């Protein structure tokens, strides 16, 4: 069994309230879940208007599949024009851990 996780540190564009922030973050989380069948959620900076941390995780029996899906998720978030991707943290856990 292989587990891959990503956390995205995002700077949001023209956002002035937590309600506007939710309108930016929720569609990103929903698209990640729908397109790639990963578990995803906003996990930090919930009280800041212009910052968000989105975390995601997935499990597979094939390490190449985990790497491929994590790469696709990272490209999807990086391509979103309404956010600036400040950093990405990737972790990979296998049977040897």
N, C-alpha and C. Protein backbone atom coordinates (compact mmCIF):
# COMPACT_ATOMS: atom_id res chain seq x y z
N UNK A 1 0.84 -1.17 0.00
CA UNK A 1 0.00 0.00 0.00
C UNK A 1 0.89 1.24 0.00
N UNK A 2 0.51 2.21 -0.81
CA UNK A 2 1.26 3.46 -0.93
C UNK A 2 0.31 4.63 -0.69
N UNK A 3 0.76 5.57 0.11
CA UNK A 3 -0.03 6.75 0.44
C UNK A 3 0.75 7.98 0.01
N UNK A 4 0.09 8.85 -0.73
CA UNK A 4 0.71 10.11 -1.14
C UNK A 4 -0.10 11.27 -0.61
N UNK A 5 0.60 12.30 -0.16
CA UNK A 5 -0.08 13.50 0.32
C UNK A 5 0.56 14.73 -0.31
N UNK A 6 -0.26 15.75 -0.48
CA UNK A 6 0.20 17.06 -0.93
C UNK A 6 -0.42 18.11 -0.03
N UNK A 7 0.31 19.17 0.21
CA UNK A 7 -0.30 20.35 0.82
C UNK A 7 0.13 21.56 -0.01
N UNK A 8 -0.86 22.35 -0.37
CA UNK A 8 -0.65 23.53 -1.20
C UNK A 8 -0.81 24.77 -0.34
N UNK A 9 0.19 25.64 -0.33
CA UNK A 9 0.10 26.93 0.34
C UNK A 9 -0.28 27.93 -0.74
N UNK A 10 -1.48 28.52 -0.61
CA UNK A 10 -2.01 29.39 -1.65
C UNK A 10 -2.16 30.82 -1.18
N UNK A 11 -1.87 31.74 -2.07
CA UNK A 11 -2.18 33.16 -1.88
C UNK A 11 -3.34 33.45 -2.82
N UNK A 12 -4.44 33.90 -2.26
CA UNK A 12 -5.63 34.15 -3.05
C UNK A 12 -5.59 35.56 -3.62
N UNK A 13 -6.22 35.74 -4.76
CA UNK A 13 -6.22 37.03 -5.45
C UNK A 13 -7.04 38.08 -4.73
N UNK A 14 -7.97 38.68 -5.42
CA UNK A 14 -8.76 39.80 -4.93
C UNK A 14 -9.87 39.30 -4.00
N UNK A 15 -9.50 38.95 -2.78
CA UNK A 15 -10.44 38.40 -1.80
C UNK A 15 -10.45 39.31 -0.58
N UNK A 16 -11.66 39.71 -0.15
CA UNK A 16 -11.77 40.66 0.96
C UNK A 16 -12.59 40.14 2.13
N UNK A 17 -13.07 38.91 2.02
CA UNK A 17 -13.86 38.35 3.13
C UNK A 17 -13.69 36.82 3.12
N UNK A 18 -14.08 36.22 4.23
CA UNK A 18 -14.02 34.77 4.31
C UNK A 18 -15.03 34.13 3.36
N UNK A 19 -16.15 34.81 3.11
CA UNK A 19 -17.13 34.30 2.17
C UNK A 19 -16.55 34.26 0.75
N UNK A 20 -15.85 35.30 0.35
CA UNK A 20 -15.19 35.31 -0.96
C UNK A 20 -14.11 34.24 -1.03
N UNK A 21 -13.40 34.06 0.09
CA UNK A 21 -12.37 33.03 0.14
C UNK A 21 -12.98 31.66 -0.12
N UNK A 22 -14.10 31.36 0.54
CA UNK A 22 -14.77 30.06 0.33
C UNK A 22 -15.17 29.88 -1.12
N UNK A 23 -15.57 30.96 -1.78
CA UNK A 23 -15.99 30.86 -3.18
C UNK A 23 -14.82 30.57 -4.11
N UNK A 24 -13.60 30.77 -3.65
CA UNK A 24 -12.41 30.44 -4.43
C UNK A 24 -11.91 29.04 -4.06
N UNK A 25 -11.86 28.73 -2.77
CA UNK A 25 -11.25 27.49 -2.29
C UNK A 25 -12.15 26.27 -2.55
N UNK A 26 -13.43 26.39 -2.29
CA UNK A 26 -14.34 25.24 -2.45
C UNK A 26 -14.33 24.64 -3.85
N UNK A 27 -14.37 25.45 -4.92
CA UNK A 27 -14.33 24.84 -6.26
C UNK A 27 -13.03 24.09 -6.56
N UNK A 28 -11.93 24.57 -6.01
CA UNK A 28 -10.65 23.88 -6.21
C UNK A 28 -10.69 22.52 -5.52
N UNK A 29 -11.14 22.50 -4.27
CA UNK A 29 -11.24 21.24 -3.51
C UNK A 29 -12.19 20.28 -4.22
N UNK A 30 -13.33 20.78 -4.66
CA UNK A 30 -14.33 19.92 -5.32
C UNK A 30 -13.78 19.35 -6.63
N UNK A 31 -13.05 20.16 -7.40
CA UNK A 31 -12.50 19.66 -8.66
C UNK A 31 -11.44 18.59 -8.42
N UNK A 32 -10.60 18.78 -7.42
CA UNK A 32 -9.60 17.76 -7.09
C UNK A 32 -10.28 16.44 -6.72
N UNK A 33 -11.32 16.53 -5.90
CA UNK A 33 -12.03 15.33 -5.47
C UNK A 33 -12.72 14.64 -6.66
N UNK A 34 -13.36 15.44 -7.49
CA UNK A 34 -14.13 14.88 -8.61
C UNK A 34 -13.24 14.30 -9.70
N UNK A 35 -12.20 15.03 -10.10
CA UNK A 35 -11.36 14.59 -11.21
C UNK A 35 -10.42 13.46 -10.85
N UNK A 36 -9.91 13.48 -9.62
CA UNK A 36 -8.83 12.54 -9.27
C UNK A 36 -9.16 11.59 -8.13
N UNK A 37 -10.37 11.63 -7.61
CA UNK A 37 -10.80 10.72 -6.53
C UNK A 37 -9.83 10.73 -5.35
N UNK A 38 -9.42 11.92 -4.94
CA UNK A 38 -8.55 12.08 -3.77
C UNK A 38 -9.38 12.66 -2.64
N UNK A 39 -8.87 12.53 -1.44
CA UNK A 39 -9.47 13.21 -0.29
C UNK A 39 -8.80 14.57 -0.20
N UNK A 40 -9.60 15.64 -0.16
CA UNK A 40 -9.04 16.99 -0.15
C UNK A 40 -9.88 17.89 0.74
N UNK A 41 -9.20 18.86 1.37
CA UNK A 41 -9.90 19.81 2.24
C UNK A 41 -8.99 21.01 2.49
N UNK A 42 -9.62 22.12 2.86
CA UNK A 42 -8.84 23.25 3.38
C UNK A 42 -8.44 22.88 4.79
N UNK A 43 -7.15 22.97 5.12
CA UNK A 43 -6.67 22.45 6.39
C UNK A 43 -6.01 23.48 7.29
N UNK A 44 -5.75 24.68 6.79
CA UNK A 44 -5.10 25.69 7.64
C UNK A 44 -5.36 27.08 7.08
N UNK A 45 -5.03 28.09 7.87
CA UNK A 45 -5.25 29.50 7.55
C UNK A 45 -6.72 29.80 7.30
N UNK A 46 -7.60 29.12 8.01
CA UNK A 46 -9.03 29.28 7.77
C UNK A 46 -9.56 30.64 8.20
N UNK A 47 -8.82 31.34 9.07
CA UNK A 47 -9.28 32.65 9.53
C UNK A 47 -8.63 33.81 8.76
N UNK A 48 -7.78 33.51 7.78
CA UNK A 48 -7.14 34.55 6.96
C UNK A 48 -7.86 34.66 5.62
N UNK A 49 -8.06 35.89 5.17
CA UNK A 49 -8.80 36.11 3.93
C UNK A 49 -8.05 35.69 2.68
N UNK A 50 -6.77 35.97 2.62
CA UNK A 50 -6.03 35.78 1.37
C UNK A 50 -5.08 34.60 1.37
N UNK A 51 -5.10 33.77 2.39
CA UNK A 51 -4.23 32.60 2.44
C UNK A 51 -5.07 31.36 2.67
N UNK A 52 -4.60 30.24 2.12
CA UNK A 52 -5.27 28.95 2.34
C UNK A 52 -4.24 27.84 2.19
N UNK A 53 -4.42 26.82 2.98
CA UNK A 53 -3.66 25.58 2.82
C UNK A 53 -4.68 24.51 2.46
N UNK A 54 -4.47 23.88 1.31
CA UNK A 54 -5.31 22.76 0.90
C UNK A 54 -4.46 21.50 1.02
N UNK A 55 -4.99 20.50 1.69
CA UNK A 55 -4.31 19.22 1.82
C UNK A 55 -5.08 18.15 1.08
N UNK A 56 -4.34 17.19 0.54
CA UNK A 56 -4.99 16.06 -0.12
C UNK A 56 -4.19 14.81 0.12
N UNK A 57 -4.89 13.68 0.01
CA UNK A 57 -4.25 12.38 0.22
C UNK A 57 -4.90 11.36 -0.70
N UNK A 58 -4.11 10.35 -1.05
CA UNK A 58 -4.64 9.24 -1.84
C UNK A 58 -3.89 7.96 -1.49
N UNK A 59 -4.55 6.84 -1.72
CA UNK A 59 -3.98 5.52 -1.44
C UNK A 59 -4.08 4.70 -2.71
N UNK A 60 -3.03 3.92 -2.99
CA UNK A 60 -3.03 3.02 -4.15
C UNK A 60 -2.07 1.87 -3.89
N UNK A 61 -2.25 0.83 -4.63
CA UNK A 61 -1.34 -0.31 -4.57
C UNK A 61 -0.16 -0.15 -5.51
N UNK A 62 -0.18 0.89 -6.34
CA UNK A 62 0.85 1.12 -7.36
C UNK A 62 1.52 2.47 -7.10
N UNK A 63 2.80 2.48 -6.78
CA UNK A 63 3.48 3.76 -6.49
C UNK A 63 3.50 4.70 -7.70
N UNK A 64 3.58 4.15 -8.90
CA UNK A 64 3.59 5.00 -10.09
C UNK A 64 2.26 5.73 -10.25
N UNK A 65 1.17 5.06 -9.89
CA UNK A 65 -0.16 5.68 -9.96
C UNK A 65 -0.26 6.83 -8.97
N UNK A 66 0.24 6.65 -7.76
CA UNK A 66 0.23 7.71 -6.75
C UNK A 66 1.00 8.92 -7.27
N UNK A 67 2.18 8.70 -7.79
CA UNK A 67 3.01 9.79 -8.31
C UNK A 67 2.31 10.51 -9.46
N UNK A 68 1.70 9.77 -10.37
CA UNK A 68 1.01 10.37 -11.50
C UNK A 68 -0.16 11.24 -11.05
N UNK A 69 -0.97 10.74 -10.14
CA UNK A 69 -2.12 11.51 -9.67
C UNK A 69 -1.68 12.75 -8.91
N UNK A 70 -0.67 12.63 -8.07
CA UNK A 70 -0.18 13.80 -7.33
C UNK A 70 0.38 14.86 -8.29
N UNK A 71 1.08 14.42 -9.33
CA UNK A 71 1.58 15.36 -10.34
C UNK A 71 0.43 16.10 -11.02
N UNK A 72 -0.62 15.36 -11.36
CA UNK A 72 -1.79 15.97 -12.03
C UNK A 72 -2.48 16.97 -11.11
N UNK A 73 -2.62 16.61 -9.85
CA UNK A 73 -3.24 17.51 -8.88
C UNK A 73 -2.43 18.80 -8.74
N UNK A 74 -1.12 18.66 -8.67
CA UNK A 74 -0.27 19.84 -8.54
C UNK A 74 -0.40 20.74 -9.77
N UNK A 75 -0.43 20.16 -10.96
CA UNK A 75 -0.59 20.96 -12.18
C UNK A 75 -1.95 21.67 -12.22
N UNK A 76 -2.99 20.98 -11.75
CA UNK A 76 -4.31 21.59 -11.74
C UNK A 76 -4.34 22.83 -10.86
N UNK A 77 -3.81 22.73 -9.65
CA UNK A 77 -3.82 23.86 -8.73
C UNK A 77 -2.91 24.98 -9.25
N UNK A 78 -1.76 24.64 -9.77
CA UNK A 78 -0.83 25.65 -10.27
C UNK A 78 -1.41 26.42 -11.46
N UNK A 79 -2.30 25.79 -12.20
CA UNK A 79 -2.88 26.43 -13.39
C UNK A 79 -4.06 27.34 -13.07
N UNK A 80 -4.54 27.33 -11.84
CA UNK A 80 -5.69 28.17 -11.49
C UNK A 80 -5.27 29.63 -11.45
N UNK A 81 -5.89 30.49 -12.26
CA UNK A 81 -5.46 31.89 -12.33
C UNK A 81 -5.83 32.72 -11.10
N UNK A 82 -6.82 32.27 -10.32
CA UNK A 82 -7.27 33.06 -9.18
C UNK A 82 -6.43 32.86 -7.92
N UNK A 83 -5.45 31.95 -7.98
CA UNK A 83 -4.57 31.72 -6.83
C UNK A 83 -3.11 31.72 -7.29
N UNK A 84 -2.25 32.06 -6.34
CA UNK A 84 -0.81 31.94 -6.56
C UNK A 84 -0.31 30.81 -5.66
N UNK A 85 0.33 29.84 -6.27
CA UNK A 85 0.84 28.69 -5.53
C UNK A 85 2.18 29.08 -4.92
N UNK A 86 2.20 29.25 -3.60
CA UNK A 86 3.43 29.68 -2.91
C UNK A 86 4.37 28.51 -2.68
N UNK A 87 3.82 27.38 -2.28
CA UNK A 87 4.67 26.20 -2.07
C UNK A 87 3.82 24.95 -2.10
N UNK A 88 4.49 23.83 -2.35
CA UNK A 88 3.86 22.52 -2.35
C UNK A 88 4.72 21.60 -1.50
N UNK A 89 4.07 20.87 -0.62
CA UNK A 89 4.79 19.87 0.17
C UNK A 89 4.23 18.51 -0.18
N UNK A 90 5.11 17.62 -0.61
CA UNK A 90 4.71 16.29 -1.04
C UNK A 90 5.34 15.26 -0.11
N UNK A 91 4.51 14.30 0.28
CA UNK A 91 5.01 13.17 1.08
C UNK A 91 4.52 11.89 0.47
N UNK A 92 5.37 10.88 0.54
CA UNK A 92 5.07 9.58 -0.05
C UNK A 92 5.41 8.53 0.99
N UNK A 93 4.45 7.70 1.31
CA UNK A 93 4.66 6.65 2.31
C UNK A 93 4.42 5.30 1.64
N UNK A 94 5.39 4.40 1.79
CA UNK A 94 5.26 3.07 1.19
C UNK A 94 5.32 1.99 2.26
N UNK A 95 5.40 0.77 1.80
CA UNK A 95 5.45 -0.38 2.71
C UNK A 95 6.71 -0.38 3.57
N UNK A 96 7.74 0.31 3.14
CA UNK A 96 9.01 0.32 3.87
C UNK A 96 9.01 1.27 5.05
N UNK A 97 8.01 2.17 5.13
CA UNK A 97 8.00 3.19 6.19
C UNK A 97 7.58 2.61 7.52
